Protein backbone atom coordinates (compact mmCIF):
# COMPACT_ATOMS: atom_id res chain seq x y z
CA MET A 1 77.05 106.01 117.95
CA SER A 2 77.07 109.57 118.45
CA ASP A 3 79.21 111.26 121.06
CA GLY A 4 76.96 114.32 121.13
CA THR A 5 79.41 116.64 119.55
CA ASN A 6 78.53 116.12 115.91
CA SER A 7 76.45 113.89 113.63
CA ALA A 8 79.14 111.22 112.61
CA THR A 9 78.15 107.62 112.64
CA LEU A 10 80.59 105.12 113.98
CA VAL A 11 80.26 101.34 112.76
CA ASN A 12 82.64 98.71 114.67
CA LEU A 13 83.61 95.99 111.77
CA SER A 14 83.34 92.59 112.97
CA THR A 15 85.95 90.40 113.01
CA LYS A 16 84.68 88.80 110.32
CA ASP A 17 84.71 91.76 108.52
CA VAL A 18 87.94 92.99 109.18
CA PRO A 19 90.78 90.77 110.34
CA PRO A 20 92.43 91.22 113.64
CA VAL A 21 95.87 93.39 113.22
CA SER A 22 98.68 94.46 115.62
CA THR A 23 98.88 98.02 113.84
CA ARG A 24 96.75 100.82 112.08
CA ARG A 25 99.00 100.43 109.26
CA GLN A 26 98.66 96.79 109.10
CA ALA A 27 95.41 97.01 109.00
CA LEU A 28 95.33 100.30 105.99
CA VAL A 29 97.76 98.09 103.94
CA PRO A 30 95.15 96.02 102.66
CA ILE A 31 92.69 98.73 101.15
CA ALA A 32 95.02 100.77 99.40
CA ALA A 33 96.94 98.24 97.79
CA MET A 34 93.73 96.98 96.36
CA LEU A 35 93.04 100.18 94.96
CA GLY A 36 96.45 100.19 92.97
CA GLY A 37 96.34 96.85 91.97
CA LEU A 38 92.24 97.76 90.54
CA ALA A 39 93.77 100.91 88.87
CA ALA A 40 96.56 99.19 87.32
CA ARG A 41 95.93 95.64 86.48
CA SER A 42 91.84 95.60 85.94
CA THR A 43 91.02 94.57 82.14
CA LEU A 44 87.27 95.89 82.99
CA TRP A 45 88.81 99.45 83.73
CA ALA A 46 90.75 99.34 80.79
CA GLN A 47 88.10 98.53 78.61
CA THR A 48 85.89 101.92 79.78
CA SER A 49 89.11 103.98 80.13
CA PRO A 50 92.52 104.88 78.76
CA PRO A 51 95.00 101.58 79.04
CA MET A 52 97.32 102.91 82.74
CA LYS A 53 100.83 101.52 81.88
CA GLU A 54 101.94 99.78 85.22
CA ALA A 55 105.09 101.15 85.60
CA PRO A 56 107.65 100.89 88.76
CA ALA A 57 107.06 103.34 91.06
CA THR A 58 109.76 106.71 90.83
CA ALA A 59 112.28 106.60 93.35
CA ALA A 60 110.88 109.49 95.19
CA ASN A 61 107.67 107.32 95.97
CA LYS A 62 108.31 104.11 96.04
CA ASP A 63 108.43 103.92 99.58
CA ARG A 64 104.99 106.23 100.34
CA THR A 65 101.58 104.49 101.78
CA PHE A 66 99.76 107.25 102.19
CA LEU A 67 98.32 109.91 99.30
CA HIS A 68 96.63 113.26 99.68
CA GLN A 69 94.62 115.09 96.81
CA GLU A 70 91.99 118.12 97.00
CA ILE A 71 90.24 118.72 94.23
CA ASP A 72 87.49 121.20 92.95
CA TYR A 73 84.06 121.05 92.08
CA LYS A 74 81.74 123.49 91.13
CA ALA A 75 78.70 121.60 93.22
CA THR A 76 77.33 121.58 96.53
CA PRO A 77 79.11 119.04 99.24
CA GLN A 78 75.77 117.48 99.50
CA ARG A 79 75.75 116.71 95.60
CA ILE A 80 79.27 115.44 95.76
CA TYR A 81 78.10 112.91 99.32
CA GLU A 82 75.07 111.98 97.11
CA VAL A 83 76.78 110.82 94.08
CA LEU A 84 79.65 109.05 96.15
CA LEU A 85 77.45 106.91 97.87
CA ASP A 86 74.34 106.21 95.45
CA ALA A 87 74.57 103.31 93.46
CA LYS A 88 72.82 104.89 90.17
CA GLN A 89 75.09 108.27 90.22
CA PHE A 90 77.76 106.05 90.65
CA ALA A 91 77.86 103.72 87.88
CA ALA A 92 76.51 106.80 85.89
CA PHE A 93 79.59 108.53 86.91
CA THR A 94 81.94 105.67 86.32
CA GLY A 95 80.70 103.67 83.68
CA MET A 96 80.54 100.79 85.42
CA ALA A 97 77.93 98.76 87.99
CA ALA A 98 78.05 99.51 91.42
CA GLU A 99 76.19 98.54 94.70
CA ILE A 100 76.51 100.56 97.63
CA ASP A 101 74.22 100.50 101.04
CA SER A 102 74.74 104.03 101.79
CA LYS A 103 74.18 103.73 105.86
CA ALA A 104 76.96 103.62 108.07
CA GLY A 105 78.46 99.88 108.31
CA GLY A 106 76.76 99.25 104.68
CA ALA A 107 78.66 97.03 102.13
CA PHE A 108 79.52 98.70 98.59
CA THR A 109 80.98 96.72 95.76
CA LEU A 110 81.93 99.54 92.80
CA PHE A 111 83.47 98.74 89.31
CA GLY A 112 81.65 95.99 88.61
CA GLY A 113 82.59 94.24 91.15
CA LEU A 114 86.42 95.12 91.36
CA VAL A 115 86.20 96.98 94.54
CA VAL A 116 84.64 96.10 97.76
CA GLY A 117 84.46 96.95 101.35
CA ARG A 118 82.22 98.93 104.16
CA ASN A 119 81.16 102.40 105.18
CA VAL A 120 83.03 102.79 107.90
CA GLU A 121 82.00 106.56 109.05
CA LEU A 122 79.32 108.56 107.46
CA ILE A 123 79.06 112.75 108.29
CA PRO A 124 76.17 113.71 105.87
CA ASN A 125 77.43 116.14 103.34
CA GLN A 126 80.41 116.44 105.19
CA ARG A 127 82.67 113.13 105.35
CA ILE A 128 82.80 109.22 104.02
CA VAL A 129 85.02 107.03 105.41
CA GLN A 130 85.21 103.49 104.10
CA ALA A 131 87.52 100.33 104.57
CA TRP A 132 87.85 99.33 100.93
CA ARG A 133 89.48 96.75 98.95
CA PRO A 134 90.08 95.44 95.29
CA THR A 135 88.86 91.84 94.97
CA HIS A 136 92.30 90.80 93.87
CA TRP A 137 93.89 91.32 97.28
CA ASP A 138 94.37 88.62 99.47
CA GLU A 139 91.29 87.97 101.69
CA GLY A 140 90.55 90.56 104.20
CA VAL A 141 93.52 92.85 103.13
CA TYR A 142 91.96 96.57 103.41
CA SER A 143 92.97 100.15 103.34
CA ILE A 144 91.25 102.76 104.33
CA VAL A 145 90.24 105.87 102.15
CA LYS A 146 88.35 108.87 103.67
CA PHE A 147 87.16 111.71 101.70
CA ASP A 148 85.98 115.24 103.04
CA MET A 149 83.87 117.63 101.21
CA LYS A 150 84.57 121.40 102.15
CA THR A 151 82.61 124.18 101.10
CA GLN A 152 84.36 126.99 98.69
CA PRO A 153 83.41 130.11 97.67
CA SER A 154 83.42 128.42 93.67
CA GLY A 155 81.57 125.08 95.27
CA THR A 156 83.24 121.97 96.74
CA VAL A 157 86.96 120.97 97.76
CA VAL A 158 86.88 117.20 98.08
CA VAL A 159 90.00 116.07 100.37
CA LEU A 160 90.96 112.55 99.80
CA ASP A 161 93.47 110.74 102.27
CA HIS A 162 94.21 107.50 101.07
CA THR A 163 96.25 105.43 103.80
CA GLY A 164 98.00 101.77 104.09
CA PHE A 165 98.49 100.91 100.47
CA PRO A 166 102.06 98.86 99.87
CA GLN A 167 104.87 100.50 99.20
CA GLY A 168 105.28 100.67 94.98
CA ASP A 169 101.66 101.79 94.68
CA PHE A 170 101.48 105.75 94.88
CA ASP A 171 101.97 106.37 91.59
CA THR A 172 99.36 103.88 89.76
CA LEU A 173 97.10 105.42 92.62
CA ASP A 174 97.76 108.71 92.12
CA GLN A 175 96.92 108.49 88.90
CA GLY A 176 94.10 105.70 89.53
CA TRP A 177 92.47 108.31 91.67
CA HIS A 178 92.79 111.00 88.55
CA SER A 179 91.07 109.21 85.57
CA HIS A 180 88.44 106.59 87.60
CA TYR A 181 87.35 108.83 89.90
CA TRP A 182 87.74 112.73 89.57
CA ASP A 183 87.69 113.53 86.31
CA PRO A 184 84.78 111.39 85.22
CA LEU A 185 82.99 113.09 87.89
CA LYS A 186 84.19 116.60 86.61
CA LYS A 187 82.32 115.72 83.71
CA PHE A 188 79.46 114.04 85.78
CA LEU A 189 78.51 117.21 87.45
CA MET A 190 78.60 119.23 84.63
């Protein structure tokens, strides 16, 4: 659906895909918790990357349910957008199997089946918004992950906003994004 002001494609998730919730926060909590649990507890991830210690959240971060990161890359926004939505390239940079339907509303399975979800909004070469969850979360629990790609003189800054994860998961997620996405992606794009 387009409002004529941009090329965004929006997708309505059916009630079978995402259970009804009374607040936006309740809708986002499951997705964020999935990533945190995945990064901290997954034995598959531990086999392909250095093990992560699951420590209690620091006092300063224990109540945080939102994280924001900005990462610079020496690549174009188009290149980064393609890598994040192409199953073969995603698998190549993470070292784990991926299946990705790169259309708005398309389902994806990442990290050998440990993360699943749907593309909610796609603006080519600019933005990817996903409803996603680790498979060990309770059925129907999702968080929201938004990748914005902004052109910079030296390449692209990827702005990540991950919202709706459970309290206590901030520290694990913050580290997990770097060790499972940003650092391997930098090496892949070299």
